[in-house]
C-alpha atoms as a PDB file:
ATOM      1  CA  MET A   1     185.175  55.258  98.758  1.00  0.00           C
ATOM      2  CA  GLN A   2     183.186  56.771 101.590  1.00  0.00           C
ATOM      3  CA  ASN A   3     184.509  57.886 104.910  1.00  0.00           C
ATOM      4  CA  MET A   4     184.652  55.849 108.078  1.00  0.00           C
ATOM      5  CA  GLY A   5     181.273  55.618 109.722  1.00  0.00           C
ATOM      6  CA  VAL A   6     179.239  55.907 106.532  1.00  0.00           C
ATOM      7  CA  GLY A   7     181.147  53.754 104.037  1.00  0.00           C
ATOM      8  CA  PRO A   8     180.590  50.128 103.073  1.00  0.00           C
ATOM      9  CA  LEU A   9     182.864  48.940 105.858  1.00  0.00           C
ATOM     10  CA  SER A  10     181.101  50.923 108.553  1.00  0.00           C
ATOM     11  CA  GLY A  11     179.333  49.188 111.388  1.00  0.00           C
ATOM     12  CA  PRO A  12     179.301  48.987 115.168  1.00  0.00           C
ATOM     13  CA  PRO A  13     182.854  49.028 116.559  1.00  0.00           C
ATOM     14  CA  PRO A  14     184.106  45.793 118.114  1.00  0.00           C
ATOM     15  CA  THR A  15     184.034  45.603 121.873  1.00  0.00           C
ATOM     16  CA  ALA A  16     187.320  45.656 123.709  1.00  0.00           C
ATOM     17  CA  ALA A  17     186.342  42.891 126.107  1.00  0.00           C
ATOM     18  CA  ARG A  18     187.203  39.923 123.885  1.00  0.00           C
ATOM     19  CA  ARG A  19     190.742  39.581 122.681  1.00  0.00           C
ATOM     20  CA  PRO A  20     192.557  36.692 121.032  1.00  0.00           C
ATOM     21  CA  THR A  21     194.081  34.296 123.506  1.00  0.00           C
ATOM     22  CA  SER A  22     197.814  33.746 123.728  1.00  0.00           C
ATOM     23  CA  GLU A  23     199.439  30.931 121.775  1.00  0.00           C
ATOM     24  CA  ALA A  24     202.322  28.697 122.661  1.00  0.00           C
ATOM     25  CA  GLY A  25     205.617  29.822 121.234  1.00  0.00           C
ATOM     26  CA  LYS A  26     205.052  33.573 121.506  1.00  0.00           C
ATOM     27  CA  PRO A  27     207.994  35.676 122.843  1.00  0.00           C
ATOM     28  CA  ALA A  28     208.189  35.804 126.628  1.00  0.00           C
ATOM     29  CA  ALA A  29     206.655  38.888 128.190  1.00  0.00           C
ATOM     30  CA  ARG A  30     209.106  41.545 129.286  1.00  0.00           C
ATOM     31  CA  PRO A  31     209.678  41.963 133.045  1.00  0.00           C
ATOM     32  CA  ALA A  32     207.083  44.000 134.884  1.00  0.00           C
ATOM     33  CA  ALA A  33     207.917  47.690 134.656  1.00  0.00           C
ATOM     34  CA  THR A  34     207.527  50.344 137.305  1.00  0.00           C
ATOM     35  CA  ALA A  35     205.274  53.335 136.712  1.00  0.00           C
ATOM     36  CA  ALA A  36     208.346  55.465 136.011  1.00  0.00           C
ATOM     37  CA  GLU A  37     209.627  52.926 133.484  1.00  0.00           C
ATOM     38  CA  GLU A  38     206.280  52.824 131.712  1.00  0.00           C
ATOM     39  CA  GLU A  39     206.265  56.617 131.515  1.00  0.00           C
ATOM     40  CA  LEU A  40     209.795  56.580 130.076  1.00  0.00           C
ATOM     41  CA  ARG A  41     208.768  53.969 127.505  1.00  0.00           C
ATOM     42  CA  ARG A  42     205.854  56.155 126.408  1.00  0.00           C
ATOM     43  CA  ALA A  43     208.173  59.136 126.049  1.00  0.00           C
ATOM     44  CA  PHE A  44     210.527  57.064 123.924  1.00  0.00           C
ATOM     45  CA  GLU A  45     207.761  55.745 121.657  1.00  0.00           C
ATOM     46  CA  ALA A  46     206.502  59.303 121.133  1.00  0.00           C
ATOM     47  CA  ALA A  47     209.960  60.634 120.230  1.00  0.00           C
ATOM     48  CA  ALA A  48     211.279  57.687 118.173  1.00  0.00           C
ATOM     49  CA  PRO A  49     209.411  58.346 114.880  1.00  0.00           C
ATOM     50  CA  ARG A  50     210.332  62.039 114.903  1.00  0.00           C
ATOM     51  CA  ALA A  51     213.980  61.208 115.590  1.00  0.00           C
ATOM     52  CA  ARG A  52     214.094  59.292 112.298  1.00  0.00           C
ATOM     53  CA  ALA A  53     212.816  62.241 110.267  1.00  0.00           C
ATOM     54  CA  ALA A  54     214.958  63.411 107.375  1.00  0.00           C
ATOM     55  CA  ASP A  55     214.528  67.029 108.542  1.00  0.00           C
ATOM     56  CA  MET A  56     217.130  67.799 111.209  1.00  0.00           C
ATOM     57  CA  PHE A  57     214.978  70.482 112.816  1.00  0.00           C
ATOM     58  CA  GLU A  58     212.054  68.065 113.105  1.00  0.00           C
ATOM     59  CA  ARG A  59     214.296  65.569 114.899  1.00  0.00           C
ATOM     60  CA  LEU A  60     214.878  68.070 117.679  1.00  0.00           C
ATOM     61  CA  GLY A  61     211.334  69.420 117.595  1.00  0.00           C
ATOM     62  CA  ILE A  62     212.343  72.990 116.773  1.00  0.00           C
ATOM     63  CA  ALA A  63     211.568  75.559 114.083  1.00  0.00           C
ATOM     64  CA  ARG A  64     213.940  76.187 111.182  1.00  0.00           C
ATOM     65  CA  THR A  65     214.486  79.675 112.598  1.00  0.00           C
ATOM     66  CA  ALA A  66     215.785  78.318 115.919  1.00  0.00           C
ATOM     67  CA  THR A  67     218.926  79.980 117.261  1.00  0.00           C
ATOM     68  CA  ARG A  68     222.041  78.067 118.230  1.00  0.00           C
ATOM     69  CA  ASP A  69     221.064  78.369 121.893  1.00  0.00           C
ATOM     70  CA  GLN A  70     217.615  76.981 121.133  1.00  0.00           C
ATOM     71  CA  VAL A  71     219.172  74.074 119.232  1.00  0.00           C
ATOM     72  CA  LYS A  72     221.406  73.347 122.199  1.00  0.00           C
ATOM     73  CA  ALA A  73     218.553  73.585 124.702  1.00  0.00           C
ATOM     74  CA  ALA A  74     216.304  71.269 122.669  1.00  0.00           C
ATOM     75  CA  TYR A  75     219.063  68.707 122.235  1.00  0.00           C
ATOM     76  CA  PHE A  76     220.082  68.627 125.881  1.00  0.00           C
ATOM     77  CA  GLN A  77     216.473  68.338 126.996  1.00  0.00           C
ATOM     78  CA  LEU A  78     216.013  65.267 124.784  1.00  0.00           C
ATOM     79  CA  ALA A  79     219.395  63.869 125.764  1.00  0.00           C
ATOM     80  CA  LYS A  80     218.559  64.197 129.447  1.00  0.00           C
ATOM     81  CA  GLN A  81     215.213  62.466 128.969  1.00  0.00           C
ATOM     82  CA  LEU A  82     216.202  59.743 126.502  1.00  0.00           C
ATOM     83  CA  HIS A  83     219.883  59.007 127.103  1.00  0.00           C
ATOM     84  CA  PRO A  84     220.715  55.279 126.668  1.00  0.00           C
ATOM     85  CA  ASP A  85     221.908  55.135 130.283  1.00  0.00           C
ATOM     86  CA  ARG A  86     218.264  55.510 131.355  1.00  0.00           C
ATOM     87  CA  PHE A  87     217.271  52.332 129.478  1.00  0.00           C
ATOM     88  CA  THR A  88     219.539  49.783 131.144  1.00  0.00           C
ATOM     89  CA  SER A  89     216.715  48.118 133.098  1.00  0.00           C
ATOM     90  CA  ALA A  90     215.615  44.641 131.992  1.00  0.00           C
ATOM     91  CA  ALA A  91     212.198  46.168 131.324  1.00  0.00           C
ATOM     92  CA  PHE A  92     213.754  47.967 128.343  1.00  0.00           C
ATOM     93  CA  ALA A  93     215.609  44.994 126.850  1.00  0.00           C
ATOM     94  CA  ASP A  94     213.418  45.090 123.739  1.00  0.00           C
ATOM     95  CA  LEU A  95     214.330  48.746 123.105  1.00  0.00           C
ATOM     96  CA  ALA A  96     218.118  48.417 123.193  1.00  0.00           C
ATOM     97  CA  HIS A  97     218.817  48.837 119.460  1.00  0.00           C
ATOM     98  CA  ARG A  98     216.096  51.415 118.922  1.00  0.00           C
ATOM     99  CA  VAL A  99     217.405  53.581 121.774  1.00  0.00           C
ATOM    100  CA  LYS A 100     220.887  53.590 120.225  1.00  0.00           C
ATOM    101  CA  ASP A 101     219.456  54.510 116.822  1.00  0.00           C
ATOM    102  CA  LEU A 102     217.377  57.318 118.312  1.00  0.00           C
ATOM    103  CA  PHE A 103     220.316  58.835 120.165  1.00  0.00           C
ATOM    104  CA  ALA A 104     222.563  58.582 117.095  1.00  0.00           C
ATOM    105  CA  ASN A 105     219.956  60.477 115.051  1.00  0.00           C
ATOM    106  CA  LEU A 106     219.627  63.180 117.701  1.00  0.00           C
ATOM    107  CA  ASN A 107     223.415  63.526 117.853  1.00  0.00           C
ATOM    108  CA  GLU A 108     223.584  63.912 114.079  1.00  0.00           C
ATOM    109  CA  ALA A 109     220.980  66.686 114.129  1.00  0.00           C
ATOM    110  CA  TYR A 110     222.746  68.516 116.933  1.00  0.00           C
ATOM    111  CA  GLU A 111     226.167  68.222 115.289  1.00  0.00           C
ATOM    112  CA  ILE A 112     224.851  69.797 112.088  1.00  0.00           C
ATOM    113  CA  LEU A 113     222.573  72.486 113.501  1.00  0.00           C
ATOM    114  CA  SER A 114     224.917  73.686 116.258  1.00  0.00           C
ATOM    115  CA  ASP A 115     227.740  74.349 113.781  1.00  0.00           C
ATOM    116  CA  ASP A 116     227.209  77.507 111.705  1.00  0.00           C
ATOM    117  CA  ARG A 117     229.097  76.211 108.660  1.00  0.00           C
ATOM    118  CA  LYS A 118     227.407  72.799 108.650  1.00  0.00           C
ATOM    119  CA  ARG A 119     224.019  74.370 109.264  1.00  0.00           C
ATOM    120  CA  ALA A 120     224.428  76.781 106.354  1.00  0.00           C
ATOM    121  CA  GLY A 121     225.346  73.902 104.066  1.00  0.00           C
ATOM    122  CA  TYR A 122     222.384  71.878 105.289  1.00  0.00           C
ATOM    123  CA  MET A 123     219.986  74.802 104.798  1.00  0.00           C
ATOM    124  CA  ALA A 124     221.263  75.306 101.246  1.00  0.00           C
ATOM    125  CA  ARG A 125     220.702  71.637 100.449  1.00  0.00           C
ATOM    126  CA  SER A 126     217.238  71.511 101.997  1.00  0.00           C
ATOM    127  CA  GLY A 127     215.542  74.025  99.700  1.00  0.00           C
ATOM    128  CA  SER A 128     212.889  72.949  97.194  1.00  0.00           C
ATOM    129  CA  VAL A 129     215.138  70.288  95.686  1.00  0.00           C
ATOM    130  CA  GLY A 130     216.212  69.227  99.143  1.00  0.00           C
ATOM    131  CA  THR A 131     212.600  68.960 100.245  1.00  0.00           C
ATOM    132  CA  ASN A 132     211.817  66.531  97.422  1.00  0.00           C
ATOM    133  CA  ALA A 133     214.880  64.527  98.295  1.00  0.00           C
ATOM    134  CA  ALA A 134     213.876  64.525 101.959  1.00  0.00           C
ATOM    135  CA  LYS A 135     210.414  63.245 101.076  1.00  0.00           C
ATOM    136  CA  ALA A 136     211.915  60.503  98.956  1.00  0.00           C
ATOM    137  CA  ALA A 137     214.238  59.610 101.821  1.00  0.00           C
ATOM    138  CA  GLU A 138     211.267  59.426 104.179  1.00  0.00           C
ATOM    139  CA  ARG A 139     209.442  57.102 101.808  1.00  0.00           C
ATOM    140  CA  ASP A 140     212.525  54.912 101.585  1.00  0.00           C
ATOM    141  CA  ALA A 141     212.843  54.874 105.366  1.00  0.00           C
ATOM    142  CA  ALA A 142     209.156  53.982 105.662  1.00  0.00           C
ATOM    143  CA  ALA A 143     209.657  51.045 103.307  1.00  0.00           C
ATOM    144  CA  VAL A 144     212.534  49.811 105.455  1.00  0.00           C
ATOM    145  CA  ASP A 145     210.484  50.197 108.635  1.00  0.00           C
ATOM    146  CA  PHE A 146     207.611  48.324 106.999  1.00  0.00           C
ATOM    147  CA  GLN A 147     209.866  45.411 106.053  1.00  0.00           C
ATOM    148  CA  LYS A 148     211.203  45.298 109.610  1.00  0.00           C
ATOM    149  CA  ALA A 149     207.633  45.320 110.918  1.00  0.00           C
ATOM    150  CA  GLU A 150     206.688  42.429 108.650  1.00  0.00           C
ATOM    151  CA  ALA A 151     209.730  40.444 109.789  1.00  0.00           C
ATOM    152  CA  CYS A 152     208.889  41.038 113.459  1.00  0.00           C
ATOM    153  CA  ALA A 153     205.256  40.058 112.851  1.00  0.00           C
ATOM    154  CA  ARG A 154     206.321  36.778 111.256  1.00  0.00           C
ATOM    155  CA  THR A 155     208.233  35.874 114.427  1.00  0.00           C
ATOM    156  CA  ARG A 156     205.315  37.113 116.576  1.00  0.00           C
ATOM    157  CA  ASP A 157     207.443  39.863 118.102  1.00  0.00           C
ATOM    158  CA  PHE A 158     204.383  42.083 118.089  1.00  0.00           C
ATOM    159  CA  GLY A 159     205.734  44.786 120.388  1.00  0.00           C
ATOM    160  CA  ARG A 160     208.562  45.696 118.004  1.00  0.00           C
ATOM    161  CA  ALA A 161     206.323  45.156 114.977  1.00  0.00           C
ATOM    162  CA  ARG A 162     203.870  47.781 116.232  1.00  0.00           C
ATOM    163  CA  GLY A 163     206.661  50.323 116.628  1.00  0.00           C
ATOM    164  CA  PHE A 164     207.946  49.772 113.096  1.00  0.00           C
ATOM    165  CA  TYR A 165     204.463  49.826 111.559  1.00  0.00           C
ATOM    166  CA  GLU A 166     203.623  53.098 113.301  1.00  0.00           C
ATOM    167  CA  ALA A 167     206.900  54.664 112.138  1.00  0.00           C
ATOM    168  CA  ALA A 168     206.264  53.547 108.552  1.00  0.00           C
ATOM    169  CA  LEU A 169     202.742  54.978 108.577  1.00  0.00           C
ATOM    170  CA  ARG A 170     203.845  58.329 109.988  1.00  0.00           C
ATOM    171  CA  ALA A 171     206.326  58.730 107.155  1.00  0.00           C
ATOM    172  CA  ASP A 172     204.201  57.239 104.366  1.00  0.00           C
ATOM    173  CA  PRO A 173     200.562  56.257 105.139  1.00  0.00           C
ATOM    174  CA  LYS A 174     200.181  53.886 102.198  1.00  0.00           C
ATOM    175  CA  PRO A 175     197.055  51.713 102.063  1.00  0.00           C
ATOM    176  CA  ASP A 176     199.272  48.627 101.769  1.00  0.00           C
ATOM    177  CA  TYR A 177     200.906  49.511 105.082  1.00  0.00           C
ATOM    178  CA  GLN A 178     197.572  50.299 106.728  1.00  0.00           C
ATOM    179  CA  VAL A 179     195.876  47.042 105.829  1.00  0.00           C
ATOM    180  CA  ALA A 180     198.923  44.911 106.661  1.00  0.00           C
ATOM    181  CA  TYR A 181     199.225  46.543 110.086  1.00  0.00           C
ATOM    182  CA  ALA A 182     195.497  46.141 110.698  1.00  0.00           C
ATOM    183  CA  TRP A 183     195.737  42.423 109.967  1.00  0.00           C
ATOM    184  CA  VAL A 184     198.678  42.012 112.333  1.00  0.00           C
ATOM    185  CA  LEU A 185     196.771  43.824 115.097  1.00  0.00           C
ATOM    186  CA  LEU A 186     194.144  41.090 114.849  1.00  0.00           C
ATOM    187  CA  GLN A 187     196.793  38.441 115.443  1.00  0.00           C
ATOM    188  CA  ASP A 188     198.447  40.287 118.319  1.00  0.00           C
ATOM    189  CA  PRO A 189     197.011  39.135 121.683  1.00  0.00           C
ATOM    190  CA  HIS A 190     197.431  42.733 122.868  1.00  0.00           C
ATOM    191  CA  GLY A 191     196.468  44.364 119.568  1.00  0.00           C
ATOM    192  CA  ASP A 192     194.205  47.399 119.480  1.00  0.00           C
ATOM    193  CA  ARG A 193     191.162  46.225 117.561  1.00  0.00           C
ATOM    194  CA  LEU A 194     189.702  49.711 117.271  1.00  0.00           C
ATOM    195  CA  ARG A 195     192.966  50.806 115.671  1.00  0.00           C
ATOM    196  CA  ALA A 196     192.706  47.855 113.281  1.00  0.00           C
ATOM    197  CA  LYS A 197     189.184  48.959 112.354  1.00  0.00           C
ATOM    198  CA  ALA A 198     190.315  52.542 111.706  1.00  0.00           C
ATOM    199  CA  LEU A 199     193.249  51.415 109.579  1.00  0.00           C
ATOM    200  CA  ALA A 200     191.040  49.112 107.520  1.00  0.00           C
ATOM    201  CA  GLU A 201     188.542  51.924 106.953  1.00  0.00           C
ATOM    202  CA  ALA A 202     191.345  54.222 105.785  1.00  0.00           C
ATOM    203  CA  ALA A 203     192.770  51.564 103.450  1.00  0.00           C
ATOM    204  CA  SER A 204     189.309  50.873 102.012  1.00  0.00           C
ATOM    205  CA  ARG A 205     189.335  54.301 100.348  1.00  0.00           C
ATOM    206  CA  ASP A 206     191.885  52.906  97.902  1.00  0.00           C
ATOM    207  CA  PRO A 207     190.038  50.714  95.355  1.00  0.00           C
ATOM    208  CA  ALA A 208     193.051  48.416  94.967  1.00  0.00           C
ATOM    209  CA  SER A 209     193.056  47.714  98.713  1.00  0.00           C
ATOM    210  CA  PHE A 210     189.303  47.551  99.297  1.00  0.00           C
ATOM    211  CA  ASP A 211     188.854  43.782  99.361  1.00  0.00           C
ATOM    212  CA  ARG A 212     191.858  43.290 101.651  1.00  0.00           C
ATOM    213  CA  ALA A 213     190.534  45.969 104.013  1.00  0.00           C
ATOM    214  CA  ALA A 214     187.127  44.292 103.935  1.00  0.00           C
ATOM    215  CA  ALA A 215     188.792  41.033 104.983  1.00  0.00           C
ATOM    216  CA  VAL A 216     190.030  42.722 108.155  1.00  0.00           C
ATOM    217  CA  CYS A 217     186.586  44.098 108.968  1.00  0.00           C
ATOM    218  CA  THR A 218     185.048  40.709 108.213  1.00  0.00           C
ATOM    219  CA  ALA A 219     187.371  39.093 110.738  1.00  0.00           C
ATOM    220  CA  LEU A 220     186.318  41.683 113.311  1.00  0.00           C
ATOM    221  CA  ALA A 221     182.628  41.078 112.618  1.00  0.00           C
ATOM    222  CA  ARG A 222     183.069  37.319 112.756  1.00  0.00           C
ATOM    223  CA  ASP A 223     184.914  37.593 116.049  1.00  0.00           C
ATOM    224  CA  GLU A 224     181.995  39.594 117.415  1.00  0.00           C
ATOM    225  CA  LYS A 225     179.573  36.842 116.243  1.00  0.00           C
ATOM    226  CA  ASN A 226     177.971  39.310 113.840  1.00  0.00           C
ATOM    227  CA  GLY A 227     177.301  36.952 110.951  1.00  0.00           C
ATOM    228  CA  GLU A 228     175.092  39.323 108.985  1.00  0.00           C
ATOM    229  CA  GLU A 229     177.724  42.064 109.022  1.00  0.00           C
ATOM    230  CA  ALA A 230     180.395  39.549 108.023  1.00  0.00           C
ATOM    231  CA  LYS A 231     178.302  38.426 105.046  1.00  0.00           C
ATOM    232  CA  ARG A 232     177.677  42.022 103.984  1.00  0.00           C
ATOM    233  CA  LEU A 233     181.378  42.790 104.076  1.00  0.00           C
ATOM    234  CA  LEU A 234     182.259  39.643 102.144  1.00  0.00           C
ATOM    235  CA  ARG A 235     179.771  40.628  99.422  1.00  0.00           C
ATOM    236  CA  CYS A 236     181.435  44.069  99.285  1.00  0.00           C
ATOM    237  CA  ALA A 237     184.841  42.407  98.950  1.00  0.00           C
ATOM    238  CA  LEU A 238     183.611  40.181  96.105  1.00  0.00           C
ATOM    239  CA  GLN A 239     182.050  43.127  94.334  1.00  0.00           C
ATOM    240  CA  ALA A 240     185.412  44.907  94.462  1.00  0.00           C
ATOM    241  CA  ASN A 241     187.380  41.797  93.480  1.00  0.00           C
ATOM    242  CA  PRO A 242     185.357  38.896  92.037  1.00  0.00           C
ATOM    243  CA  ARG A 243     188.529  36.777  91.992  1.00  0.00           C
ATOM    244  CA  ASN A 244     188.843  36.843  95.775  1.00  0.00           C
ATOM    245  CA  THR A 245     188.384  33.108  96.315  1.00  0.00           C
ATOM    246  CA  GLU A 246     188.902  33.383 100.076  1.00  0.00           C
ATOM    247  CA  ALA A 247     185.989  35.807 100.423  1.00  0.00           C
ATOM    248  CA  GLU A 248     183.817  33.635  98.165  1.00  0.00           C
ATOM    249  CA  ARG A 249     184.576  30.518 100.214  1.00  0.00           C
ATOM    250  CA  GLU A 250     183.834  32.253 103.519  1.00  0.00           C
ATOM    251  CA  LEU A 251     180.599  33.732 102.216  1.00  0.00           C
ATOM    252  CA  ARG A 252     179.375  30.323 101.079  1.00  0.00           C
ATOM    253  CA  ALA A 253     180.214  28.882 104.483  1.00  0.00           C
ATOM    254  CA  LEU A 254     178.292  31.615 106.304  1.00  0.00           C
ATOM    255  CA  GLU A 255     175.320  31.423 103.994  1.00  0.00           C
ATOM    256  CA  SER A 256     175.071  27.662 104.478  1.00  0.00           C
ATOM    257  CA  ARG A 257     175.095  28.245 108.242  1.00  0.00           C
ATOM    258  CA  ALA A 258     178.391  26.434 108.652  1.00  0.00           C
ATOM    259  CA  ALA A 259     180.061  26.579 112.053  1.00  0.00           C
ATOM    260  CA  PRO A 260     181.793  29.973 112.505  1.00  0.00           C
ATOM    261  CA  ARG A 261     185.544  30.048 112.268  1.00  0.00           C
ATOM    262  CA  THR A 262     187.169  30.559 115.650  1.00  0.00           C
ATOM    263  CA  GLU A 263     190.852  30.403 114.844  1.00  0.00           C
ATOM    264  CA  LYS A 264     192.912  33.564 114.753  1.00  0.00           C
ATOM    265  CA  PRO A 265     193.468  35.173 111.380  1.00  0.00           C
ATOM    266  CA  SER A 266     196.800  34.250 109.828  1.00  0.00           C
ATOM    267  CA  MET A 267     198.910  36.233 107.407  1.00  0.00           C
ATOM    268  CA  GLY A 268     197.970  33.670 104.774  1.00  0.00           C
ATOM    269  CA  GLY A 269     194.333  34.690 105.099  1.00  0.00           C
ATOM    270  CA  LEU A 270     194.906  38.224 103.810  1.00  0.00           C
ATOM    271  CA  PRO A 271     193.957  38.364 100.117  1.00  0.00           C
ATOM    272  CA  ARG A 272     196.771  39.193  97.773  1.00  0.00           C
ATOM    273  CA  LYS A 273     196.853  42.665  96.292  1.00  0.00           C
ATOM    274  CA  ARG A 274     195.626  42.666  92.717  1.00  0.00           C
END
């Protein structure tokens, strides 16, 4: 597959002005946050994926050669910034469980790396064999995060879904994860459509995921009233997977100048992986 910008899914990026409208039944918006609370939330979201890393040094953001004093300093800096007591505001109600998990992971890293005996044992286990095991553990954790993301998306809890999808992709950027997240971003009233486009382009490099990635880009083109681009993408999807009946049906509708679809994409609209 070709790279983003020159590949078969390339095209003008969607504008940010139009976004899907809200639907009845979506989770209530969290209470308005202060500027300080928004800054704290951003700090948490930046630290959360790293705190789930299998590598204890990565959790604390330090090198494997860090001294005991450096371990202590890194831990206490994170603890001061991200202690659960700082997240008691109603604006952080959606983060309650994730904050506890993050702090537990930081505590585990500190307990191991600040103790000479435990650290030596950990270092011995995390050699070449340990590295393979750590990578496998990260893939397993990514799979769990992906399943949590899918569950949150099904209940339209898009805020939590985004966090789990991002964590899964950091640990294991599988095309399946990329295209599923891209599709959910189209459903999310606050979803980043440029991010959806980028994810679909990345997933399109995998032949097995091409037609599903093309479906995402088709939805973007259709939403932008770009019928010609939508038809081109649907033809690409059919070339990659002639059994994609959804793409075939949509292409026929566009070619016969049928009224454009205006409803939001649903999870059922994403073609099944071959």
